[in-house]
Amino acid sequence: MRHNIYNLMSFNKYEIGIMKTYRRRFIILAFWGICLALQVYPQSFSSDSSFHPYHVNYWVTGTIIGVGMSANYLGVGLVFHKIELSRLEIQALNKSTINSIDSWAFKQDPSQMESFAKYSDYFLASTVVLPVFLMFDKQIKRDWVDVLLMYVETMSITPNIYEWTPLGVNFQNRIRPIAYYDQLPYDQRNSANNRNSFYSGHTAVVAASTFFMVKVYCDYNPGIGDNKYLLYGAATIFPLIEGYCRVKAIAHFPSDVLVGLGVGALCGIIIPELHRFKDKNISLGLYSSSLATGIAIKWQPDFLK
C-alpha cells in the first residue's frame, strides 16, 4: 500500500512538472527570441523601398500575445486538474470499439513509452526554434521584429485553441491509449491526464512552427512559384515525426495526431496571412435581398488566389 502511494505521489509530481513546463514555454520563447534578435540582427529603422509583405500593428499584436499567454497559463491548469479515471471506467474500456487505424496505438511496447515521450519533448523543443533560420534570408532579416511578433503570436494562439475551443482537451475527454494497457500499473492508467488524448497538442505546436516557417519564406519569395508545395510537403514531415513519437509513447491515437497536425498547420498559415490585409483584398458594399439588407464585406486571402 505504501509503495502504491509513493508511486502515485511521484506520478503527480511528474504531471506538475509538465504543467510548469507548459506555462513557462511561451514566455521563455518570447524572451529568447527578442534577446537573440537584439544581439545578432540589429534592425535599421530607416525607411526603404524593399519588399514587405506583412503589416504588423505592434499594439494589437502585443495585446493578442499578452492575452494569449495569460489565457494559456490558466488553460494549462485546467488541463491537468481533471478527475482521475475510476476503476469502473478502466474496466469498461473496450479495445474493440476503437477503429482499425487508431488500434495501432494498442500495438506499442510499454517499456519504450517513457523513452519516446522524452524524444517527443526534445523534438518539440528543437522544432520550435526552427524559424530562426528564416533570418538567413536578407529580406526577412530586415523585418525580424514583425516576423518575431507574428511567430510568438502564432505560438500563443495555437495552444489556446488546444485548451479553450470545443475541439480541445478542456472540452474533450477522450481517454489516452495508455489506460487500455492491462500490463501497466493502475496508478499510471487512472491518471487524470489520461483524459487528454484528443487532440495532440505537441503535434499542433510542431506543425504551427514548420508551416509558419514555410508560409513566411514563400511570402517573401513569391518567385518560387509552385515549388512552395514541395516546401509545405517538407513542413508536414516534422509534425508526422512528432506524432509518431507521441503514438509510440502511448499518449495518443493516430487520429489525435492528424487533427493536431491540421490545427497547427492552419495556425501557421492563417495567422501570417491575416497580417497581409490590403485594400485590394477587401471589398465593401451594400447587400440587399428579399430576406435582408445590410453591408457586405468580402475578403479574398492571397493564398486562395
Foldseek 3Di string as FASTA:
>chain_A
DVVVVVVLVVVLVVLVVVLVCQLCVLVVLLVVLVVVCVVPQDADPDDDDDDDQFDDDCVVLVVLLVVLSVLSNVLSVLLQPFAWADPVNLVPDDLVVDDPQQSVLVVADQVCLVVLVVVLVVLLVVLLCVLVVVCVDVVCSNVVVVLSSLSSSLLSVLVCCQRPPCQHQSNFFCFFQVSNDPVDDPSVNGRSNRRGAAADSSLLSSLLRQLLSLQVVCSSPVVVPPCSVVSNVVSLVSSVSSLVSCSNSSRYGSVNSVVSNVSSNCSSNVSRQVRSDDPVQKDKDWDDDPVDTDIDIGGDTPVND
